[in-house]
Amino acid sequence: MGAERQQSGWSTPSGEDVSVSNGDRKSGVPMTVASIPLVDPHAPKPDPSVGDLVKDATSQMSTLVRAEVELARAEITRDVKKGLTGSVYFILALVVLFYSTFFFFFFVSDLLDLWLQKWASDLIVFGLMLVTTGLLAFLGYLKVRKIRGPQKTIQSVKEARVALVPGSDKPSKPASLNGAASTTDPSGW
């Protein structure tokens, strides 16, 4: 037993000899076993119990819900990216339009210059720009003035606050006849 180790061996179904030496064992358990399991550890049991079926169903439902959430997240991310790309193109189009108006006003001024003096045509275009700016600012003011805030939300929060105060549903007690404070318990007991 000195230099040699004792071997305990067995054979696999294919006929290979597999051995585990006593030197590899600690606490009576081999550290490694060089064999292929004869039973699939992931195979379902032939007669599962109701508890096993419920466990499997809940884990499968959980996996299904997670997969659906992940799919929805992926679709939303894709749509948001498309929307952002489209909005960038709209912003670029508005920038080009904004700079194009500069040349339009030069065109109108040069067109009026055919019938009027240069200073008069420039003054007319400037006046048209001021009138247009004033009209658009007035229309914006009318729209902004109509903003009232979330009135329904504010009202429902006030109602919820009143409903959550203890004793708010009880009628208030009239003051005592002599003006002194009542000696009854304010909790109503």
Protein backbone atom coordinates (compact mmCIF):
# COMPACT_ATOMS: atom_id res chain seq x y z
CA MET A 1 0.00 0.00 0.00
CA GLY A 2 2.98 2.36 0.35
CA ALA A 3 3.82 3.58 -3.16
CA GLU A 4 0.91 1.86 -4.83
CA ARG A 5 -2.60 2.99 -4.40
CA GLN A 6 -5.48 0.67 -4.07
CA GLN A 7 -7.94 1.00 -6.89
CA SER A 8 -11.64 0.31 -6.79
CA GLY A 9 -13.11 -0.06 -10.25
CA TRP A 10 -16.26 -0.66 -12.22
CA SER A 11 -17.31 -0.78 -15.85
CA THR A 12 -19.50 1.58 -17.86
CA PRO A 13 -22.27 0.21 -20.12
CA SER A 14 -19.92 0.58 -23.10
CA GLY A 15 -17.40 -1.70 -21.41
CA GLU A 16 -14.79 0.89 -20.39
CA ASP A 17 -13.10 0.34 -17.09
CA VAL A 18 -13.41 3.35 -14.81
CA SER A 19 -11.50 3.51 -11.63
CA VAL A 20 -11.28 5.85 -8.71
CA SER A 21 -8.25 5.54 -6.51
CA ASN A 22 -8.50 5.60 -2.76
CA GLY A 23 -5.88 8.36 -2.85
CA ASP A 24 -8.36 10.65 -4.64
CA ARG A 25 -10.94 10.30 -1.90
CA LYS A 26 -11.47 12.76 0.92
CA SER A 27 -14.01 11.94 3.56
CA GLY A 28 -15.02 8.87 1.59
CA VAL A 29 -16.22 10.89 -1.43
CA PRO A 30 -14.24 10.81 -4.70
CA MET A 31 -13.09 14.24 -5.92
CA THR A 32 -13.82 13.44 -9.54
CA VAL A 33 -15.70 10.67 -11.23
CA ALA A 34 -14.82 10.01 -14.85
CA SER A 35 -18.12 8.59 -16.02
CA ILE A 36 -21.17 9.55 -18.00
CA PRO A 37 -24.41 9.59 -16.02
CA LEU A 38 -26.80 6.85 -17.02
CA VAL A 39 -29.89 9.04 -16.45
CA ASP A 40 -30.58 12.47 -17.96
CA PRO A 41 -30.73 14.87 -15.00
CA HIS A 42 -32.92 17.28 -17.01
CA ALA A 43 -35.45 14.70 -18.12
CA PRO A 44 -38.96 15.16 -16.72
CA LYS A 45 -40.18 12.72 -14.09
CA PRO A 46 -42.49 10.02 -15.47
CA ASP A 47 -45.30 10.80 -12.97
CA PRO A 48 -44.86 14.37 -11.73
CA SER A 49 -46.81 15.49 -8.70
CA VAL A 50 -49.29 18.36 -8.72
CA GLY A 51 -46.72 20.51 -6.91
CA ASP A 52 -44.12 19.79 -9.60
CA LEU A 53 -46.64 20.64 -12.33
CA VAL A 54 -47.56 23.93 -10.62
CA LYS A 55 -43.88 24.75 -10.13
CA ASP A 56 -43.15 24.05 -13.82
CA ALA A 57 -46.19 26.06 -14.96
CA THR A 58 -45.27 29.09 -12.83
CA SER A 59 -41.64 29.02 -13.99
CA GLN A 60 -42.75 28.73 -17.62
CA MET A 61 -45.26 31.58 -17.18
CA SER A 62 -42.57 33.70 -15.55
CA THR A 63 -40.20 32.96 -18.44
CA LEU A 64 -42.94 33.77 -20.95
CA VAL A 65 -43.77 37.09 -19.27
CA ARG A 66 -40.10 38.05 -19.11
CA ALA A 67 -39.68 37.20 -22.79
CA GLU A 68 -42.75 39.27 -23.71
CA VAL A 69 -41.47 42.23 -21.70
CA GLU A 70 -38.07 41.93 -23.36
CA LEU A 71 -39.72 41.79 -26.79
CA ALA A 72 -41.83 44.86 -26.01
CA ARG A 73 -38.74 46.69 -24.75
CA ALA A 74 -36.85 45.84 -27.94
CA GLU A 75 -39.75 46.99 -30.14
CA ILE A 76 -40.17 50.24 -28.21
CA THR A 77 -36.43 50.93 -28.37
CA ARG A 78 -36.48 50.36 -32.12
CA ASP A 79 -39.48 52.66 -32.58
CA VAL A 80 -37.96 55.38 -30.39
CA LYS A 81 -34.75 55.27 -32.43
CA LYS A 82 -36.76 55.61 -35.64
CA GLY A 83 -38.75 58.49 -34.13
CA LEU A 84 -35.61 60.29 -33.01
CA THR A 85 -34.05 59.90 -36.44
CA GLY A 86 -37.20 61.28 -38.07
CA SER A 87 -37.38 64.20 -35.66
CA VAL A 88 -33.73 65.08 -36.39
CA TYR A 89 -34.59 65.29 -40.08
CA PHE A 90 -37.60 67.53 -39.30
CA ILE A 91 -35.40 69.82 -37.19
CA LEU A 92 -32.84 70.04 -39.99
CA ALA A 93 -35.61 70.87 -42.46
CA LEU A 94 -36.85 73.66 -40.18
CA VAL A 95 -33.33 75.08 -39.85
CA VAL A 96 -32.96 75.18 -43.65
CA LEU A 97 -36.42 76.78 -43.94
CA PHE A 98 -35.49 79.36 -41.31
CA TYR A 99 -32.36 80.39 -43.21
CA SER A 100 -34.29 80.35 -46.50
CA THR A 101 -36.70 83.03 -45.25
CA PHE A 102 -33.75 85.41 -45.10
CA PHE A 103 -33.33 85.10 -48.86
CA PHE A 104 -37.09 85.33 -49.45
CA PHE A 105 -37.18 88.73 -47.78
CA PHE A 106 -34.27 89.88 -49.93
CA PHE A 107 -36.22 88.71 -52.98
CA VAL A 108 -39.32 90.66 -51.94
CA SER A 109 -37.20 93.76 -51.30
CA ASP A 110 -35.51 93.51 -54.70
CA LEU A 111 -38.88 92.95 -56.38
CA LEU A 112 -40.28 96.13 -54.80
CA ASP A 113 -37.08 97.91 -55.79
CA LEU A 114 -38.24 97.64 -59.42
CA TRP A 115 -41.06 100.15 -58.71
CA LEU A 116 -39.82 102.02 -55.62
CA GLN A 117 -36.55 103.34 -54.32
CA LYS A 118 -34.28 100.88 -52.48
CA TRP A 119 -34.82 102.40 -49.01
CA ALA A 120 -38.60 102.33 -49.43
CA SER A 121 -38.68 98.67 -50.52
CA ASP A 122 -36.43 97.67 -47.58
CA LEU A 123 -38.65 99.63 -45.18
CA ILE A 124 -41.80 97.94 -46.51
CA VAL A 125 -40.24 94.46 -46.11
CA PHE A 126 -39.07 95.36 -42.60
CA GLY A 127 -42.57 96.55 -41.71
CA LEU A 128 -44.11 93.31 -43.07
CA MET A 129 -41.66 91.31 -40.94
CA LEU A 130 -42.63 93.29 -37.82
CA VAL A 131 -46.35 92.87 -38.48
CA THR A 132 -45.90 89.12 -39.06
CA THR A 133 -43.84 88.80 -35.86
CA GLY A 134 -46.45 90.73 -33.85
CA LEU A 135 -49.33 88.64 -35.25
CA LEU A 136 -47.60 85.33 -34.48
CA ALA A 137 -46.65 86.53 -30.96
CA PHE A 138 -50.27 87.56 -30.32
CA LEU A 139 -51.58 84.16 -31.48
CA GLY A 140 -49.04 82.44 -29.21
CA TYR A 141 -50.13 84.63 -26.28
CA LEU A 142 -53.78 83.69 -26.84
CA LYS A 143 -52.92 79.98 -26.80
CA VAL A 144 -50.69 80.22 -23.70
CA ARG A 145 -53.26 82.30 -21.82
CA LYS A 146 -55.74 79.41 -22.05
CA ILE A 147 -53.44 77.06 -20.10
CA ARG A 148 -55.00 76.45 -16.70
CA GLY A 149 -52.96 73.56 -15.37
CA PRO A 150 -54.23 70.17 -14.27
CA GLN A 151 -57.45 71.39 -12.64
CA LYS A 152 -59.05 67.94 -12.34
CA THR A 153 -55.90 66.49 -10.75
CA ILE A 154 -55.70 69.35 -8.26
CA GLN A 155 -59.36 68.87 -7.35
CA SER A 156 -59.00 65.10 -6.89
CA VAL A 157 -55.91 65.58 -4.69
CA LYS A 158 -57.86 68.03 -2.52
CA GLU A 159 -60.73 65.54 -2.25
CA ALA A 160 -58.32 62.74 -1.37
CA ARG A 161 -56.69 64.89 1.31
CA VAL A 162 -60.09 65.59 2.89
CA ALA A 163 -61.05 61.92 2.67
CA LEU A 164 -57.82 60.79 4.35
CA VAL A 165 -58.11 63.13 7.35
CA PRO A 166 -59.48 61.13 10.31
CA GLY A 167 -62.94 62.23 11.38
CA SER A 168 -63.66 64.29 8.29
CA ASP A 169 -66.78 62.24 7.62
CA LYS A 170 -68.25 63.02 11.07
CA PRO A 171 -70.35 66.17 11.52
CA SER A 172 -68.66 68.82 13.60
CA LYS A 173 -69.92 69.14 17.19
CA PRO A 174 -71.43 72.44 18.22
CA ALA A 175 -69.54 74.41 20.85
CA SER A 176 -70.64 73.91 24.44
CA LEU A 177 -73.21 76.32 25.84
CA ASN A 178 -70.96 77.89 28.46
CA GLY A 179 -68.04 78.35 26.08
CA ALA A 180 -65.79 75.98 28.01
CA ALA A 181 -63.97 73.19 26.28
CA SER A 182 -65.73 69.87 26.16
CA THR A 183 -64.44 67.19 28.54
CA THR A 184 -65.31 64.32 26.23
CA ASP A 185 -62.61 62.41 24.46
CA PRO A 186 -61.97 63.98 21.02
CA SER A 187 -61.52 60.52 19.47
CA GLY A 188 -65.24 59.87 19.93
CA TRP A 189 -64.92 57.01 22.43
